[in-house]
Amino acid sequence: MTSEQPAYATAAIADPELMHSLSGFILALTAKGKLAYLSENVTHFLGFSVVELLAQGNSIFDLLNSTASRIIQEKLSFAHQHPGIEIEFIIEMRTSRAFRIKYGRNHPILMRGRFLSLDTQLTSASPALTFVAFCAPVLYGVEEGNNRSQNFTFQSQHTLDMKIAEMTENVIYHLGYKKEELIGQSWYCFLHPEDTGRGAEMHRNLISAQSTGKQNQHVIVRLCCKDLSWVWVQVTAVMENRKGKLITCTNHILRDKEALYIQNQDSSPRGRLKPSVWSCLKNPNFRFPLLKGTSISHAQKERIG
């Protein structure tokens, strides 16, 4: 979810067609958690219609377990004391039985909103202050995302040693590079030093998957952008035997809170930095392979580490 989406979501309230193009739904709550408004597209994300949700009892707490209830109570209390200040947090929301059968779980939702003064055109029961939020699902797999995945995803193809063979043009919007700058470079040159172990484990598992029969591998890592910033990416890698044994990666951009939330659900150990990577970073003549002609200073190396 980008910073522009809440404003886009506000405009969507008056336009049903625009509403269904959103990557999340809109809700409005009182300070005590009473539902004052739900956008009709909530059914695409929770499986319940607006009528069903209001019929079950018009409280947000009817959709939450005890842990999520405590979180939202704390967040609403803080936001109510600081009206106008935007807050962002992740809670798990209950979904319909059909959704649980399809996805195997309830949906973690990234909720972003603030308390505002609203008129009665939005809801007939608006209090002096109403918490208005845009709610987007935290995606565990790119296949779940539909429109959202298309907006926040780029694809790449690699040889078996993870050198980049092809890249979609839209990578420039996510990493700042033109695809021509990246072809021929190693995927490992993108990785944050702390994530090299995790990335290498995914790579090894993918290569050995030919014998185990597993179709794909997933990993969440930080990739280096052209401006030396880092972005969290959920990588889904698949072995493409029909194309000369290429590895195809679908790279889905994550917000910091999404990445950390998903990682907290994963019990796998954090990847350790390989000695060879440290030796490269400590070399005063080291140049980041992806930033042609740009040296990384020792101060930058310290920040990377």
C-alpha atoms as a PDB file:
ATOM      1  CA  MET A   1       0.000   0.000   0.000  1.00  0.00           C
ATOM      2  CA  THR A   2       1.478   3.305  -1.067  1.00  0.00           C
ATOM      3  CA  SER A   3       1.109   6.710   0.592  1.00  0.00           C
ATOM      4  CA  GLU A   4      -1.215   7.793  -2.215  1.00  0.00           C
ATOM      5  CA  GLN A   5      -3.721   5.006  -1.643  1.00  0.00           C
ATOM      6  CA  PRO A   6      -5.646   6.453   1.344  1.00  0.00           C
ATOM      7  CA  ALA A   7      -6.489   9.580  -0.689  1.00  0.00           C
ATOM      8  CA  TYR A   8      -7.332   7.380  -3.662  1.00  0.00           C
ATOM      9  CA  ALA A   9      -9.527   5.301  -1.355  1.00  0.00           C
ATOM     10  CA  THR A  10     -11.417   8.391  -0.183  1.00  0.00           C
ATOM     11  CA  ALA A  11     -12.311   9.224  -3.778  1.00  0.00           C
ATOM     12  CA  ALA A  12     -13.412   5.642  -4.321  1.00  0.00           C
ATOM     13  CA  ILE A  13     -16.179   5.946  -1.710  1.00  0.00           C
ATOM     14  CA  ALA A  14     -18.253   7.948  -4.182  1.00  0.00           C
ATOM     15  CA  ASP A  15     -17.395   5.737  -7.168  1.00  0.00           C
ATOM     16  CA  PRO A  16     -18.394   2.033  -6.954  1.00  0.00           C
ATOM     17  CA  GLU A  17     -16.287   1.069  -9.990  1.00  0.00           C
ATOM     18  CA  LEU A  18     -13.217   2.753  -8.537  1.00  0.00           C
ATOM     19  CA  MET A  19     -13.890   1.042  -5.212  1.00  0.00           C
ATOM     20  CA  HIS A  20     -13.501  -2.416  -6.732  1.00  0.00           C
ATOM     21  CA  SER A  21     -10.099  -1.467  -8.196  1.00  0.00           C
ATOM     22  CA  LEU A  22      -8.616  -0.854  -4.725  1.00  0.00           C
ATOM     23  CA  SER A  23      -6.135  -3.305  -3.216  1.00  0.00           C
ATOM     24  CA  GLY A  24      -7.995  -3.143   0.088  1.00  0.00           C
ATOM     25  CA  PHE A  25     -11.197  -1.993   1.757  1.00  0.00           C
ATOM     26  CA  ILE A  26     -12.194   1.058   3.779  1.00  0.00           C
ATOM     27  CA  LEU A  27     -13.663   1.077   7.256  1.00  0.00           C
ATOM     28  CA  ALA A  28     -14.679   3.710   9.807  1.00  0.00           C
ATOM     29  CA  LEU A  29     -14.795   3.072  13.557  1.00  0.00           C
ATOM     30  CA  THR A  30     -15.758   4.923  16.693  1.00  0.00           C
ATOM     31  CA  ALA A  31     -13.161   5.192  19.455  1.00  0.00           C
ATOM     32  CA  LYS A  32     -14.808   2.167  21.110  1.00  0.00           C
ATOM     33  CA  GLY A  33     -14.561   0.022  17.992  1.00  0.00           C
ATOM     34  CA  LYS A  34     -18.134   0.289  16.724  1.00  0.00           C
ATOM     35  CA  LEU A  35     -18.331  -0.069  12.931  1.00  0.00           C
ATOM     36  CA  ALA A  36     -19.631   3.161  11.386  1.00  0.00           C
ATOM     37  CA  TYR A  37     -18.838   2.321   7.747  1.00  0.00           C
ATOM     38  CA  LEU A  38     -17.517  -0.542   5.595  1.00  0.00           C
ATOM     39  CA  SER A  39     -16.875  -0.356   1.877  1.00  0.00           C
ATOM     40  CA  GLU A  40     -18.761  -2.906  -0.209  1.00  0.00           C
ATOM     41  CA  ASN A  41     -15.575  -4.489  -1.553  1.00  0.00           C
ATOM     42  CA  VAL A  42     -14.806  -5.887   1.922  1.00  0.00           C
ATOM     43  CA  THR A  43     -16.268  -9.162   0.654  1.00  0.00           C
ATOM     44  CA  HIS A  44     -13.256  -9.580  -1.696  1.00  0.00           C
ATOM     45  CA  PHE A  45     -10.866  -9.555   1.274  1.00  0.00           C
ATOM     46  CA  LEU A  46     -12.770 -11.146   4.167  1.00  0.00           C
ATOM     47  CA  GLY A  47     -15.484 -13.120   2.395  1.00  0.00           C
ATOM     48  CA  PHE A  48     -18.278 -11.414   4.346  1.00  0.00           C
ATOM     49  CA  SER A  49     -20.723  -8.922   2.882  1.00  0.00           C
ATOM     50  CA  VAL A  50     -21.394  -5.605   4.638  1.00  0.00           C
ATOM     51  CA  VAL A  51     -24.855  -6.895   5.602  1.00  0.00           C
ATOM     52  CA  GLU A  52     -23.401 -10.070   7.127  1.00  0.00           C
ATOM     53  CA  LEU A  53     -20.848  -8.144   9.146  1.00  0.00           C
ATOM     54  CA  LEU A  54     -23.386  -5.690  10.548  1.00  0.00           C
ATOM     55  CA  ALA A  55     -25.852  -8.489  11.250  1.00  0.00           C
ATOM     56  CA  GLN A  56     -23.233 -10.341  13.326  1.00  0.00           C
ATOM     57  CA  GLY A  57     -22.870  -7.348  15.628  1.00  0.00           C
ATOM     58  CA  ASN A  58     -21.565  -3.970  14.552  1.00  0.00           C
ATOM     59  CA  SER A  59     -18.196  -4.102  16.351  1.00  0.00           C
ATOM     60  CA  ILE A  60     -14.715  -4.542  14.931  1.00  0.00           C
ATOM     61  CA  PHE A  61     -13.979  -6.867  17.850  1.00  0.00           C
ATOM     62  CA  ASP A  62     -16.367  -9.457  16.375  1.00  0.00           C
ATOM     63  CA  LEU A  63     -13.747  -9.934  13.629  1.00  0.00           C
ATOM     64  CA  LEU A  64     -10.740 -10.238  15.945  1.00  0.00           C
ATOM     65  CA  ASN A  65      -9.221 -12.721  18.347  1.00  0.00           C
ATOM     66  CA  SER A  66      -8.110 -11.669  21.837  1.00  0.00           C
ATOM     67  CA  THR A  67      -4.577 -10.729  20.753  1.00  0.00           C
ATOM     68  CA  ALA A  68      -5.756  -8.591  17.834  1.00  0.00           C
ATOM     69  CA  SER A  69      -8.406  -6.988  20.072  1.00  0.00           C
ATOM     70  CA  ARG A  70      -5.742  -5.836  22.540  1.00  0.00           C
ATOM     71  CA  ILE A  71      -3.612  -4.436  19.719  1.00  0.00           C
ATOM     72  CA  ILE A  72      -6.401  -2.413  18.153  1.00  0.00           C
ATOM     73  CA  GLN A  73      -7.584  -1.127  21.541  1.00  0.00           C
ATOM     74  CA  GLU A  74      -4.106   0.228  22.249  1.00  0.00           C
ATOM     75  CA  LYS A  75      -3.792   1.734  18.757  1.00  0.00           C
ATOM     76  CA  LEU A  76      -7.232   3.365  18.844  1.00  0.00           C
ATOM     77  CA  SER A  77      -6.560   4.804  22.287  1.00  0.00           C
ATOM     78  CA  PHE A  78      -3.300   6.377  21.114  1.00  0.00           C
ATOM     79  CA  ALA A  79      -4.809   7.683  17.868  1.00  0.00           C
ATOM     80  CA  HIS A  80      -7.825   9.148  19.676  1.00  0.00           C
ATOM     81  CA  GLN A  81      -5.496  11.102  21.945  1.00  0.00           C
ATOM     82  CA  HIS A  82      -3.609  12.365  18.874  1.00  0.00           C
ATOM     83  CA  PRO A  83      -6.299  13.089  16.267  1.00  0.00           C
ATOM     84  CA  GLY A  84      -4.990  13.619  12.754  1.00  0.00           C
ATOM     85  CA  ILE A  85      -1.853  11.542  13.339  1.00  0.00           C
ATOM     86  CA  GLU A  86      -1.732   8.527  11.021  1.00  0.00           C
ATOM     87  CA  ILE A  87      -0.998   5.136  12.543  1.00  0.00           C
ATOM     88  CA  GLU A  88      -0.212   1.822  10.886  1.00  0.00           C
ATOM     89  CA  PHE A  89      -0.358  -1.702  12.308  1.00  0.00           C
ATOM     90  CA  ILE A  90      -1.105  -5.315  11.382  1.00  0.00           C
ATOM     91  CA  ILE A  91      -3.876  -7.405  12.926  1.00  0.00           C
ATOM     92  CA  GLU A  92      -5.375 -10.755  11.983  1.00  0.00           C
ATOM     93  CA  MET A  93      -9.030 -10.531  10.940  1.00  0.00           C
ATOM     94  CA  ARG A  94     -11.541 -13.363  10.875  1.00  0.00           C
ATOM     95  CA  THR A  95     -12.666 -14.424   7.407  1.00  0.00           C
ATOM     96  CA  SER A  96     -15.577 -16.459   6.095  1.00  0.00           C
ATOM     97  CA  ARG A  97     -15.457 -20.253   6.192  1.00  0.00           C
ATOM     98  CA  ALA A  98     -15.056 -20.364   2.401  1.00  0.00           C
ATOM     99  CA  PHE A  99     -12.003 -18.103   2.634  1.00  0.00           C
ATOM    100  CA  ARG A 100     -10.444 -20.204   5.391  1.00  0.00           C
ATOM    101  CA  ILE A 101     -10.905 -23.338   3.287  1.00  0.00           C
ATOM    102  CA  LYS A 102      -9.332 -21.622   0.256  1.00  0.00           C
ATOM    103  CA  TYR A 103      -6.381 -19.942   2.008  1.00  0.00           C
ATOM    104  CA  GLY A 104      -6.026 -22.173   5.074  1.00  0.00           C
ATOM    105  CA  ARG A 105      -6.103 -19.299   7.554  1.00  0.00           C
ATOM    106  CA  ASN A 106      -7.612 -15.965   8.509  1.00  0.00           C
ATOM    107  CA  HIS A 107      -6.204 -12.843   6.877  1.00  0.00           C
ATOM    108  CA  PRO A 108      -3.551 -10.598   8.463  1.00  0.00           C
ATOM    109  CA  ILE A 109      -4.546  -7.062   7.526  1.00  0.00           C
ATOM    110  CA  LEU A 110      -2.319  -3.986   7.327  1.00  0.00           C
ATOM    111  CA  MET A 111      -4.502  -1.179   8.697  1.00  0.00           C
ATOM    112  CA  ARG A 112      -3.535   2.443   8.113  1.00  0.00           C
ATOM    113  CA  GLY A 113      -5.674   5.361   9.302  1.00  0.00           C
ATOM    114  CA  ARG A 114      -6.374   8.275  11.615  1.00  0.00           C
ATOM    115  CA  PHE A 115      -9.182   9.938  13.577  1.00  0.00           C
ATOM    116  CA  LEU A 116     -11.041  12.560  11.553  1.00  0.00           C
ATOM    117  CA  SER A 117     -14.098  14.758  11.893  1.00  0.00           C
ATOM    118  CA  LEU A 118     -16.659  13.487   9.381  1.00  0.00           C
ATOM    119  CA  ASP A 119     -20.005  14.767   8.142  1.00  0.00           C
ATOM    120  CA  THR A 120     -23.107  12.573   8.075  1.00  0.00           C
ATOM    121  CA  GLN A 121     -22.908  11.928   4.324  1.00  0.00           C
ATOM    122  CA  LEU A 122     -20.522   9.025   4.941  1.00  0.00           C
ATOM    123  CA  THR A 123     -22.442   7.499   7.821  1.00  0.00           C
ATOM    124  CA  SER A 124     -25.635   8.364   9.639  1.00  0.00           C
ATOM    125  CA  ALA A 125     -24.036   7.691  12.998  1.00  0.00           C
ATOM    126  CA  SER A 126     -20.717   9.511  12.759  1.00  0.00           C
ATOM    127  CA  PRO A 127     -19.426  10.755  16.126  1.00  0.00           C
ATOM    128  CA  ALA A 128     -17.360  13.908  16.536  1.00  0.00           C
ATOM    129  CA  LEU A 129     -14.243  11.871  15.719  1.00  0.00           C
ATOM    130  CA  THR A 130     -14.197   8.732  13.581  1.00  0.00           C
ATOM    131  CA  PHE A 131     -11.247   6.478  12.873  1.00  0.00           C
ATOM    132  CA  VAL A 132     -11.039   6.038   9.091  1.00  0.00           C
ATOM    133  CA  ALA A 133      -8.628   3.399   7.768  1.00  0.00           C
ATOM    134  CA  PHE A 134      -7.547   1.725   4.564  1.00  0.00           C
ATOM    135  CA  CYS A 135      -7.097  -2.014   5.112  1.00  0.00           C
ATOM    136  CA  ALA A 136      -4.988  -4.181   2.789  1.00  0.00           C
ATOM    137  CA  PRO A 137      -4.204  -7.894   3.173  1.00  0.00           C
ATOM    138  CA  VAL A 138      -0.662  -8.962   3.969  1.00  0.00           C
ATOM    139  CA  LEU A 139       0.152 -11.333   1.122  1.00  0.00           C
ATOM    140  CA  TYR A 140       1.955 -14.622   1.748  1.00  0.00           C
ATOM    141  CA  GLY A 141       1.997 -15.472  -1.924  1.00  0.00           C
ATOM    142  CA  VAL A 142       1.958 -13.285  -4.998  1.00  0.00           C
ATOM    143  CA  GLU A 143      -0.832 -15.382  -6.496  1.00  0.00           C
ATOM    144  CA  GLU A 144      -3.199 -13.998  -3.884  1.00  0.00           C
ATOM    145  CA  GLY A 145      -2.712 -10.393  -4.842  1.00  0.00           C
ATOM    146  CA  ASN A 146      -4.343  -9.948  -8.284  1.00  0.00           C
ATOM    147  CA  ASN A 147      -4.266  -6.188  -9.087  1.00  0.00           C
ATOM    148  CA  ARG A 148      -2.082  -5.383  -6.136  1.00  0.00           C
ATOM    149  CA  SER A 149       0.502  -7.959  -7.159  1.00  0.00           C
ATOM    150  CA  GLN A 150       0.694  -6.506 -10.645  1.00  0.00           C
ATOM    151  CA  ASN A 151       1.377  -3.027  -9.265  1.00  0.00           C
ATOM    152  CA  PHE A 152       4.039  -4.128  -6.794  1.00  0.00           C
ATOM    153  CA  THR A 153       5.700  -6.974  -8.672  1.00  0.00           C
ATOM    154  CA  PHE A 154       8.470  -7.389 -11.226  1.00  0.00           C
ATOM    155  CA  GLN A 155       9.814 -10.592 -12.730  1.00  0.00           C
ATOM    156  CA  SER A 156      13.316 -11.808 -13.488  1.00  0.00           C
ATOM    157  CA  GLN A 157      14.924 -14.823 -15.113  1.00  0.00           C
ATOM    158  CA  HIS A 158      18.266 -16.258 -13.999  1.00  0.00           C
ATOM    159  CA  THR A 159      20.739 -18.880 -15.049  1.00  0.00           C
ATOM    160  CA  LEU A 160      21.319 -21.683 -12.551  1.00  0.00           C
ATOM    161  CA  ASP A 161      24.048 -19.660 -10.803  1.00  0.00           C
ATOM    162  CA  MET A 162      21.496 -16.812 -10.343  1.00  0.00           C
ATOM    163  CA  LYS A 163      23.001 -14.448 -12.902  1.00  0.00           C
ATOM    164  CA  ILE A 164      20.275 -12.246 -14.345  1.00  0.00           C
ATOM    165  CA  ALA A 165      19.316 -13.296 -17.874  1.00  0.00           C
ATOM    166  CA  GLU A 166      16.146 -11.217 -18.295  1.00  0.00           C
ATOM    167  CA  MET A 167      14.168  -8.626 -16.338  1.00  0.00           C
ATOM    168  CA  THR A 168      10.828  -6.896 -16.814  1.00  0.00           C
ATOM    169  CA  GLU A 169      10.972  -3.198 -17.656  1.00  0.00           C
ATOM    170  CA  ASN A 170       9.051  -2.118 -14.541  1.00  0.00           C
ATOM    171  CA  VAL A 171      12.029  -2.967 -12.318  1.00  0.00           C
ATOM    172  CA  ILE A 172      13.016   0.694 -12.722  1.00  0.00           C
ATOM    173  CA  TYR A 173      10.017   1.715 -10.612  1.00  0.00           C
ATOM    174  CA  HIS A 174      11.010  -0.602  -7.757  1.00  0.00           C
ATOM    175  CA  LEU A 175      14.832  -0.665  -7.722  1.00  0.00           C
ATOM    176  CA  GLY A 176      15.710   2.370  -9.836  1.00  0.00           C
ATOM    177  CA  TYR A 177      17.615   0.408 -12.482  1.00  0.00           C
ATOM    178  CA  LYS A 178      16.922  -0.028 -16.169  1.00  0.00           C
ATOM    179  CA  LYS A 179      16.847  -3.701 -17.037  1.00  0.00           C
ATOM    180  CA  GLU A 180      19.914  -3.268 -19.292  1.00  0.00           C
ATOM    181  CA  GLU A 181      21.965  -2.307 -16.229  1.00  0.00           C
ATOM    182  CA  LEU A 182      21.085  -5.553 -14.498  1.00  0.00           C
ATOM    183  CA  ILE A 183      21.352  -8.247 -17.171  1.00  0.00           C
ATOM    184  CA  GLY A 184      24.531 -10.256 -16.651  1.00  0.00           C
ATOM    185  CA  GLN A 185      24.836  -9.261 -12.975  1.00  0.00           C
ATOM    186  CA  SER A 186      24.556 -11.771 -10.155  1.00  0.00           C
ATOM    187  CA  TRP A 187      21.405 -11.757  -8.020  1.00  0.00           C
ATOM    188  CA  TYR A 188      23.662 -12.087  -4.975  1.00  0.00           C
ATOM    189  CA  CYS A 189      25.076  -8.620  -5.659  1.00  0.00           C
ATOM    190  CA  PHE A 190      21.645  -7.196  -4.815  1.00  0.00           C
ATOM    191  CA  LEU A 191      21.287  -8.917  -1.461  1.00  0.00           C
ATOM    192  CA  HIS A 192      21.681  -7.192   1.875  1.00  0.00           C
ATOM    193  CA  PRO A 193      24.651  -8.827   3.650  1.00  0.00           C
ATOM    194  CA  GLU A 194      22.436 -10.104   6.462  1.00  0.00           C
ATOM    195  CA  ASP A 195      20.167 -11.851   3.948  1.00  0.00           C
ATOM    196  CA  THR A 196      22.772 -13.727   1.882  1.00  0.00           C
ATOM    197  CA  GLY A 197      22.412 -16.883   3.965  1.00  0.00           C
ATOM    198  CA  ARG A 198      18.642 -16.889   3.558  1.00  0.00           C
ATOM    199  CA  GLY A 199      18.949 -16.285  -0.183  1.00  0.00           C
ATOM    200  CA  ALA A 200      21.553 -19.025  -0.621  1.00  0.00           C
ATOM    201  CA  GLU A 201      19.350 -21.486   1.276  1.00  0.00           C
ATOM    202  CA  MET A 202      16.454 -20.752  -1.078  1.00  0.00           C
ATOM    203  CA  HIS A 203      18.793 -21.220  -4.071  1.00  0.00           C
ATOM    204  CA  ARG A 204      20.100 -24.566  -2.789  1.00  0.00           C
ATOM    205  CA  ASN A 205      16.603 -25.827  -2.039  1.00  0.00           C
ATOM    206  CA  LEU A 206      15.433 -24.826  -5.506  1.00  0.00           C
ATOM    207  CA  ILE A 207      18.281 -26.662  -7.254  1.00  0.00           C
ATOM    208  CA  SER A 208      17.689 -29.797  -5.172  1.00  0.00           C
ATOM    209  CA  ALA A 209      13.901 -29.548  -5.737  1.00  0.00           C
ATOM    210  CA  GLN A 210      14.311 -31.401  -9.042  1.00  0.00           C
ATOM    211  CA  SER A 211      14.743 -34.601  -7.055  1.00  0.00           C
ATOM    212  CA  THR A 212      12.235 -33.791  -4.301  1.00  0.00           C
ATOM    213  CA  GLY A 213       9.524 -32.618  -6.707  1.00  0.00           C
ATOM    214  CA  LYS A 214       8.783 -29.320  -4.959  1.00  0.00           C
ATOM    215  CA  GLN A 215       7.679 -26.768  -7.549  1.00  0.00           C
ATOM    216  CA  ASN A 216       8.894 -23.472  -6.081  1.00  0.00           C
ATOM    217  CA  GLN A 217      10.720 -21.772  -3.236  1.00  0.00           C
ATOM    218  CA  HIS A 218       9.948 -18.585  -1.316  1.00  0.00           C
ATOM    219  CA  VAL A 219      12.213 -16.172   0.527  1.00  0.00           C
ATOM    220  CA  ILE A 220      11.975 -12.639   1.909  1.00  0.00           C
ATOM    221  CA  VAL A 221      15.137 -10.559   1.468  1.00  0.00           C
ATOM    222  CA  ARG A 222      16.277  -6.964   1.142  1.00  0.00           C
ATOM    223  CA  LEU A 223      17.526  -5.839  -2.255  1.00  0.00           C
ATOM    224  CA  CYS A 224      19.760  -2.856  -2.930  1.00  0.00           C
ATOM    225  CA  CYS A 225      18.270  -0.020  -4.983  1.00  0.00           C
ATOM    226  CA  LYS A 226      20.277   2.257  -7.260  1.00  0.00           C
ATOM    227  CA  ASP A 227      20.240   5.026  -4.632  1.00  0.00           C
ATOM    228  CA  LEU A 228      21.778   2.575  -2.081  1.00  0.00           C
ATOM    229  CA  SER A 229      18.532   2.246  -0.134  1.00  0.00           C
ATOM    230  CA  TRP A 230      17.079  -1.179   0.672  1.00  0.00           C
ATOM    231  CA  VAL A 231      13.683  -2.595  -0.216  1.00  0.00           C
ATOM    232  CA  TRP A 232      12.023  -5.729   1.158  1.00  0.00           C
ATOM    233  CA  VAL A 233      11.061  -8.247  -1.510  1.00  0.00           C
ATOM    234  CA  GLN A 234       9.171 -11.521  -1.337  1.00  0.00           C
ATOM    235  CA  VAL A 235      10.781 -13.757  -3.954  1.00  0.00           C
ATOM    236  CA  THR A 236       8.999 -16.773  -5.422  1.00  0.00           C
ATOM    237  CA  ALA A 237      11.474 -18.800  -7.486  1.00  0.00           C
ATOM    238  CA  VAL A 238      10.523 -21.556  -9.949  1.00  0.00           C
ATOM    239  CA  MET A 239      12.767 -23.832 -12.006  1.00  0.00           C
ATOM    240  CA  GLU A 240      11.878 -23.536 -15.700  1.00  0.00           C
ATOM    241  CA  ASN A 241      13.213 -26.751 -17.261  1.00  0.00           C
ATOM    242  CA  ARG A 242      11.534 -26.121 -20.597  1.00  0.00           C
ATOM    243  CA  LYS A 243      13.584 -22.954 -21.130  1.00  0.00           C
ATOM    244  CA  GLY A 244      17.042 -24.375 -20.833  1.00  0.00           C
ATOM    245  CA  LYS A 245      16.943 -24.721 -17.063  1.00  0.00           C
ATOM    246  CA  LEU A 246      16.312 -21.102 -16.194  1.00  0.00           C
ATOM    247  CA  ILE A 247      15.134 -19.902 -12.802  1.00  0.00           C
ATOM    248  CA  THR A 248      12.157 -17.546 -12.942  1.00  0.00           C
ATOM    249  CA  CYS A 249      11.608 -15.227  -9.964  1.00  0.00           C
ATOM    250  CA  THR A 250       8.470 -13.278  -9.174  1.00  0.00           C
ATOM    251  CA  ASN A 251       9.538 -10.393  -6.933  1.00  0.00           C
ATOM    252  CA  HIS A 252       6.830  -8.799  -4.814  1.00  0.00           C
ATOM    253  CA  ILE A 253       7.621  -5.529  -3.020  1.00  0.00           C
ATOM    254  CA  LEU A 254       6.730  -5.475   0.690  1.00  0.00           C
ATOM    255  CA  ARG A 255       6.371  -2.670   3.187  1.00  0.00           C
ATOM    256  CA  ASP A 256       8.656  -2.965   6.238  1.00  0.00           C
ATOM    257  CA  LYS A 257       5.804  -4.004   8.545  1.00  0.00           C
ATOM    258  CA  GLU A 258       4.601  -6.649   6.089  1.00  0.00           C
ATOM    259  CA  ALA A 259       8.071  -8.162   5.721  1.00  0.00           C
ATOM    260  CA  LEU A 260       8.702  -8.290   9.463  1.00  0.00           C
ATOM    261  CA  TYR A 261       5.254  -9.729  10.145  1.00  0.00           C
ATOM    262  CA  ILE A 262       5.694 -12.548   7.632  1.00  0.00           C
ATOM    263  CA  GLN A 263       9.202 -13.270   8.882  1.00  0.00           C
ATOM    264  CA  ASN A 264       7.899 -13.527  12.449  1.00  0.00           C
ATOM    265  CA  GLN A 265       5.578 -16.296  11.223  1.00  0.00           C
ATOM    266  CA  ASP A 266       8.563 -18.136   9.786  1.00  0.00           C
ATOM    267  CA  SER A 267      10.614 -20.271  12.167  1.00  0.00           C
ATOM    268  CA  SER A 268      13.594 -20.601   9.836  1.00  0.00           C
ATOM    269  CA  PRO A 269      16.859 -19.172  11.238  1.00  0.00           C
ATOM    270  CA  ARG A 270      18.105 -15.803  10.052  1.00  0.00           C
ATOM    271  CA  GLY A 271      20.726 -16.150   7.325  1.00  0.00           C
ATOM    272  CA  ARG A 272      24.301 -15.524   8.323  1.00  0.00           C
ATOM    273  CA  LEU A 273      26.702 -13.440   6.306  1.00  0.00           C
ATOM    274  CA  LYS A 274      29.249 -15.499   4.425  1.00  0.00           C
ATOM    275  CA  PRO A 275      32.950 -14.735   5.079  1.00  0.00           C
ATOM    276  CA  SER A 276      33.435 -14.090   1.353  1.00  0.00           C
ATOM    277  CA  VAL A 277      30.900 -11.289   1.472  1.00  0.00           C
ATOM    278  CA  TRP A 278      32.608  -9.675   4.458  1.00  0.00           C
ATOM    279  CA  SER A 279      35.948  -9.801   2.653  1.00  0.00           C
ATOM    280  CA  CYS A 280      34.406  -7.963  -0.311  1.00  0.00           C
ATOM    281  CA  LEU A 281      32.874  -5.260   1.872  1.00  0.00           C
ATOM    282  CA  LYS A 282      36.091  -4.679   3.796  1.00  0.00           C
ATOM    283  CA  ASN A 283      38.158  -4.377   0.622  1.00  0.00           C
ATOM    284  CA  PRO A 284      38.855  -0.601   0.105  1.00  0.00           C
ATOM    285  CA  ASN A 285      38.776  -1.134  -3.668  1.00  0.00           C
ATOM    286  CA  PHE A 286      35.412  -2.886  -3.589  1.00  0.00           C
ATOM    287  CA  ARG A 287      32.841  -1.496  -6.016  1.00  0.00           C
ATOM    288  CA  PHE A 288      29.223  -2.542  -5.753  1.00  0.00           C
ATOM    289  CA  PRO A 289      28.671  -4.569  -8.959  1.00  0.00           C
ATOM    290  CA  LEU A 290      25.206  -3.123  -9.547  1.00  0.00           C
ATOM    291  CA  LEU A 291      26.313   0.497  -9.324  1.00  0.00           C
ATOM    292  CA  LYS A 292      28.623   0.812 -12.260  1.00  0.00           C
ATOM    293  CA  GLY A 293      31.345   3.340 -11.690  1.00  0.00           C
ATOM    294  CA  THR A 294      30.144   4.120  -8.153  1.00  0.00           C
ATOM    295  CA  SER A 295      32.353   3.271  -5.180  1.00  0.00           C
ATOM    296  CA  ILE A 296      30.941   2.525  -1.751  1.00  0.00           C
ATOM    297  CA  SER A 297      32.750   4.386   0.984  1.00  0.00           C
ATOM    298  CA  HIS A 298      33.831   2.757   4.267  1.00  0.00           C
ATOM    299  CA  ALA A 299      31.088   4.743   6.038  1.00  0.00           C
ATOM    300  CA  GLN A 300      28.500   3.261   3.676  1.00  0.00           C
ATOM    301  CA  LYS A 301      29.948  -0.195   4.235  1.00  0.00           C
ATOM    302  CA  GLU A 302      29.476   0.257   7.969  1.00  0.00           C
ATOM    303  CA  ARG A 303      25.817   1.221   7.420  1.00  0.00           C
ATOM    304  CA  ILE A 304      25.319  -1.809   5.185  1.00  0.00           C
ATOM    305  CA  GLY A 305      26.756  -4.078   7.854  1.00  0.00           C
END
